[in-house]
Amino acid sequence: MIMNEKQEKISGMILNYLQRNPDAGDTLEGIVKWWMGFENIESSIEDVADVLETLIQKGEIRMYNIVDGTTFYKVNKQM
C-alpha cells in the first residue's frame, strides 16, 4: 500500500512513539486518542487503521488479540 502524506506522518509518529516506548501497546482507539493526541496530529480511526495495517504488512507492528476479543498493537521486536 502506498501511503499519502497524512498517512506517512501518522506512520512516523507511531514508529517514533514505539521507539521511545518499546513496551507500549494499545488498541486502535487508544492509539488515536492518546498517541495521536500527544503529538497533536488530527487523524481519523480509518486513517490510523490503514496505517497500522500497512505497518503490520511491513512487519514493523504486531497485532495481538486477548481473551475478550480486544486487539492490541505493539512494535514487532522480532525485527
N, C-alpha and C. Protein backbone atom coordinates (compact mmCIF):
# COMPACT_ATOMS: atom_id res chain seq x y z
N MET A 1 0.83 -1.18 0.00
CA MET A 1 0.00 0.00 0.00
C MET A 1 0.88 1.24 0.00
N ILE A 2 0.59 2.16 -0.88
CA ILE A 2 1.28 3.43 -0.93
C ILE A 2 0.55 4.40 -0.01
N MET A 3 1.29 5.03 0.88
CA MET A 3 0.68 5.94 1.84
C MET A 3 0.72 7.37 1.31
N ASN A 4 -0.33 8.12 1.62
CA ASN A 4 -0.33 9.53 1.29
C ASN A 4 0.44 10.29 2.37
N GLU A 5 0.56 11.59 2.20
CA GLU A 5 1.36 12.41 3.11
C GLU A 5 0.86 12.32 4.55
N LYS A 6 -0.45 12.38 4.74
CA LYS A 6 -1.02 12.29 6.08
C LYS A 6 -0.72 10.94 6.72
N GLN A 7 -0.86 9.86 5.94
CA GLN A 7 -0.58 8.53 6.46
C GLN A 7 0.90 8.36 6.78
N GLU A 8 1.78 8.94 5.97
CA GLU A 8 3.22 8.90 6.26
C GLU A 8 3.51 9.58 7.59
N LYS A 9 2.85 10.70 7.84
CA LYS A 9 3.02 11.43 9.10
C LYS A 9 2.54 10.58 10.28
N ILE A 10 1.40 9.94 10.12
CA ILE A 10 0.87 9.06 11.17
C ILE A 10 1.81 7.89 11.41
N SER A 11 2.28 7.28 10.34
CA SER A 11 3.20 6.15 10.45
C SER A 11 4.47 6.55 11.20
N GLY A 12 5.05 7.68 10.82
CA GLY A 12 6.25 8.16 11.50
C GLY A 12 6.02 8.41 12.98
N MET A 13 4.87 8.98 13.31
CA MET A 13 4.55 9.25 14.71
C MET A 13 4.42 7.96 15.50
N ILE A 14 3.73 6.97 14.92
CA ILE A 14 3.55 5.69 15.61
C ILE A 14 4.90 5.02 15.84
N LEU A 15 5.73 4.98 14.82
CA LEU A 15 7.04 4.33 14.95
C LEU A 15 7.95 5.09 15.91
N ASN A 16 7.90 6.41 15.89
CA ASN A 16 8.69 7.21 16.84
C ASN A 16 8.21 6.98 18.27
N TYR A 17 6.90 6.93 18.45
CA TYR A 17 6.34 6.68 19.78
C TYR A 17 6.82 5.33 20.31
N LEU A 18 6.77 4.32 19.45
CA LEU A 18 7.18 2.98 19.88
C LEU A 18 8.69 2.88 20.09
N GLN A 19 9.44 3.69 19.38
CA GLN A 19 10.89 3.70 19.60
C GLN A 19 11.19 4.27 20.99
N ARG A 20 10.44 5.32 21.36
CA ARG A 20 10.63 5.93 22.67
C ARG A 20 10.01 5.09 23.79
N ASN A 21 9.01 4.28 23.45
CA ASN A 21 8.26 3.48 24.43
C ASN A 21 8.14 2.05 23.91
N PRO A 22 9.23 1.30 23.87
CA PRO A 22 9.23 0.00 23.21
C PRO A 22 8.30 -1.05 23.82
N ASP A 23 7.84 -0.83 25.03
CA ASP A 23 6.92 -1.79 25.65
C ASP A 23 5.47 -1.34 25.54
N ALA A 24 5.24 -0.22 24.85
CA ALA A 24 3.88 0.31 24.72
C ALA A 24 3.04 -0.56 23.80
N GLY A 25 1.77 -0.58 24.08
CA GLY A 25 0.80 -1.27 23.24
C GLY A 25 -0.56 -0.67 23.53
N ASP A 26 -1.41 -0.63 22.53
CA ASP A 26 -2.72 -0.04 22.75
C ASP A 26 -3.68 -0.53 21.68
N THR A 27 -4.95 -0.25 21.91
CA THR A 27 -5.99 -0.54 20.93
C THR A 27 -5.97 0.54 19.86
N LEU A 28 -6.68 0.30 18.79
CA LEU A 28 -6.81 1.31 17.74
C LEU A 28 -7.35 2.62 18.32
N GLU A 29 -8.40 2.50 19.12
CA GLU A 29 -9.00 3.69 19.71
C GLU A 29 -8.03 4.41 20.65
N GLY A 30 -7.26 3.64 21.42
CA GLY A 30 -6.28 4.23 22.32
C GLY A 30 -5.17 4.94 21.57
N ILE A 31 -4.73 4.36 20.47
CA ILE A 31 -3.69 4.99 19.66
C ILE A 31 -4.18 6.32 19.12
N VAL A 32 -5.42 6.33 18.61
CA VAL A 32 -5.98 7.57 18.08
C VAL A 32 -6.12 8.61 19.19
N LYS A 33 -6.67 8.21 20.33
CA LYS A 33 -6.94 9.16 21.41
C LYS A 33 -5.67 9.63 22.11
N TRP A 34 -4.80 8.69 22.47
CA TRP A 34 -3.65 9.04 23.32
C TRP A 34 -2.40 9.32 22.52
N TRP A 35 -1.98 8.40 21.67
CA TRP A 35 -0.72 8.60 20.96
C TRP A 35 -0.81 9.78 20.00
N MET A 36 -1.89 9.84 19.22
CA MET A 36 -2.05 10.95 18.27
C MET A 36 -2.32 12.25 19.02
N GLY A 37 -3.06 12.16 20.12
CA GLY A 37 -3.36 13.35 20.91
C GLY A 37 -2.12 14.00 21.48
N PHE A 38 -1.15 13.19 21.92
CA PHE A 38 0.10 13.74 22.46
C PHE A 38 0.89 14.48 21.40
N GLU A 39 0.76 14.06 20.16
CA GLU A 39 1.51 14.67 19.07
C GLU A 39 0.70 15.74 18.33
N ASN A 40 -0.54 15.95 18.77
CA ASN A 40 -1.43 16.92 18.13
C ASN A 40 -1.60 16.65 16.64
N ILE A 41 -1.77 15.40 16.29
CA ILE A 41 -2.00 15.03 14.89
C ILE A 41 -3.47 14.71 14.73
N GLU A 42 -4.12 15.42 13.82
CA GLU A 42 -5.51 15.14 13.50
C GLU A 42 -5.57 13.87 12.67
N SER A 43 -6.30 12.90 13.14
CA SER A 43 -6.39 11.66 12.39
C SER A 43 -7.70 10.96 12.72
N SER A 44 -8.22 10.29 11.72
CA SER A 44 -9.44 9.52 11.93
C SER A 44 -9.07 8.09 12.29
N ILE A 45 -10.01 7.38 12.83
CA ILE A 45 -9.79 5.96 13.13
C ILE A 45 -9.45 5.22 11.84
N GLU A 46 -10.10 5.58 10.75
CA GLU A 46 -9.85 4.91 9.47
C GLU A 46 -8.41 5.15 8.99
N ASP A 47 -7.91 6.39 9.14
CA ASP A 47 -6.53 6.70 8.75
C ASP A 47 -5.55 5.85 9.54
N VAL A 48 -5.74 5.81 10.85
CA VAL A 48 -4.82 5.06 11.72
C VAL A 48 -4.93 3.56 11.45
N ALA A 49 -6.14 3.05 11.25
CA ALA A 49 -6.32 1.63 10.94
C ALA A 49 -5.59 1.26 9.65
N ASP A 50 -5.68 2.11 8.63
CA ASP A 50 -4.98 1.85 7.37
C ASP A 50 -3.48 1.83 7.57
N VAL A 51 -2.97 2.78 8.35
CA VAL A 51 -1.54 2.85 8.61
C VAL A 51 -1.08 1.62 9.40
N LEU A 52 -1.84 1.24 10.42
CA LEU A 52 -1.47 0.06 11.21
C LEU A 52 -1.43 -1.19 10.33
N GLU A 53 -2.39 -1.33 9.44
CA GLU A 53 -2.40 -2.48 8.53
C GLU A 53 -1.14 -2.50 7.66
N THR A 54 -0.75 -1.35 7.17
CA THR A 54 0.47 -1.25 6.36
C THR A 54 1.70 -1.61 7.19
N LEU A 55 1.76 -1.11 8.42
CA LEU A 55 2.90 -1.41 9.29
C LEU A 55 2.94 -2.89 9.67
N ILE A 56 1.79 -3.51 9.80
CA ILE A 56 1.73 -4.96 10.06
C ILE A 56 2.27 -5.71 8.84
N GLN A 57 1.84 -5.31 7.66
CA GLN A 57 2.30 -5.96 6.42
C GLN A 57 3.81 -5.82 6.25
N LYS A 58 4.36 -4.69 6.68
CA LYS A 58 5.81 -4.46 6.60
C LYS A 58 6.57 -5.19 7.71
N GLY A 59 5.84 -5.72 8.70
CA GLY A 59 6.46 -6.44 9.80
C GLY A 59 6.96 -5.55 10.92
N GLU A 60 6.59 -4.28 10.92
CA GLU A 60 7.07 -3.35 11.94
C GLU A 60 6.20 -3.35 13.18
N ILE A 61 4.94 -3.72 13.02
CA ILE A 61 3.97 -3.75 14.12
C ILE A 61 3.36 -5.14 14.16
N ARG A 62 3.02 -5.57 15.38
CA ARG A 62 2.30 -6.84 15.53
C ARG A 62 0.95 -6.57 16.16
N MET A 63 0.00 -7.38 15.78
CA MET A 63 -1.35 -7.28 16.31
C MET A 63 -1.56 -8.46 17.26
N TYR A 64 -2.08 -8.17 18.45
CA TYR A 64 -2.33 -9.19 19.46
C TYR A 64 -3.79 -9.15 19.86
N ASN A 65 -4.42 -10.30 19.91
CA ASN A 65 -5.79 -10.39 20.40
C ASN A 65 -5.76 -11.03 21.78
N ILE A 66 -6.52 -10.43 22.70
CA ILE A 66 -6.58 -11.02 24.03
C ILE A 66 -7.93 -11.71 24.20
N VAL A 67 -8.10 -12.40 25.30
CA VAL A 67 -9.24 -13.28 25.53
C VAL A 67 -10.58 -12.62 25.27
N ASP A 68 -10.75 -11.38 25.65
CA ASP A 68 -12.06 -10.74 25.49
C ASP A 68 -12.29 -10.22 24.07
N GLY A 69 -11.36 -10.48 23.15
CA GLY A 69 -11.51 -10.07 21.76
C GLY A 69 -10.90 -8.72 21.44
N THR A 70 -10.34 -8.05 22.44
CA THR A 70 -9.70 -6.76 22.23
C THR A 70 -8.41 -6.96 21.43
N THR A 71 -8.17 -6.07 20.49
CA THR A 71 -6.96 -6.13 19.68
C THR A 71 -6.00 -5.03 20.13
N PHE A 72 -4.75 -5.43 20.39
CA PHE A 72 -3.69 -4.50 20.76
C PHE A 72 -2.64 -4.49 19.66
N TYR A 73 -1.99 -3.35 19.52
CA TYR A 73 -0.90 -3.19 18.56
C TYR A 73 0.36 -2.83 19.32
N LYS A 74 1.45 -3.52 18.97
CA LYS A 74 2.75 -3.29 19.62
C LYS A 74 3.83 -3.38 18.55
N VAL A 75 5.00 -2.88 18.90
CA VAL A 75 6.14 -2.99 18.00
C VAL A 75 6.51 -4.46 17.84
N ASN A 76 6.96 -4.82 16.65
CA ASN A 76 7.42 -6.17 16.39
C ASN A 76 8.88 -6.24 16.80
N LYS A 77 9.16 -6.78 17.97
CA LYS A 77 10.52 -6.84 18.47
C LYS A 77 11.37 -7.89 17.78
N GLN A 78 10.75 -8.67 16.92
CA GLN A 78 11.50 -9.70 16.18
C GLN A 78 12.17 -9.13 14.94
N MET A 79 11.95 -7.85 14.69
CA MET A 79 12.55 -7.21 13.52
C MET A 79 13.98 -6.80 13.80
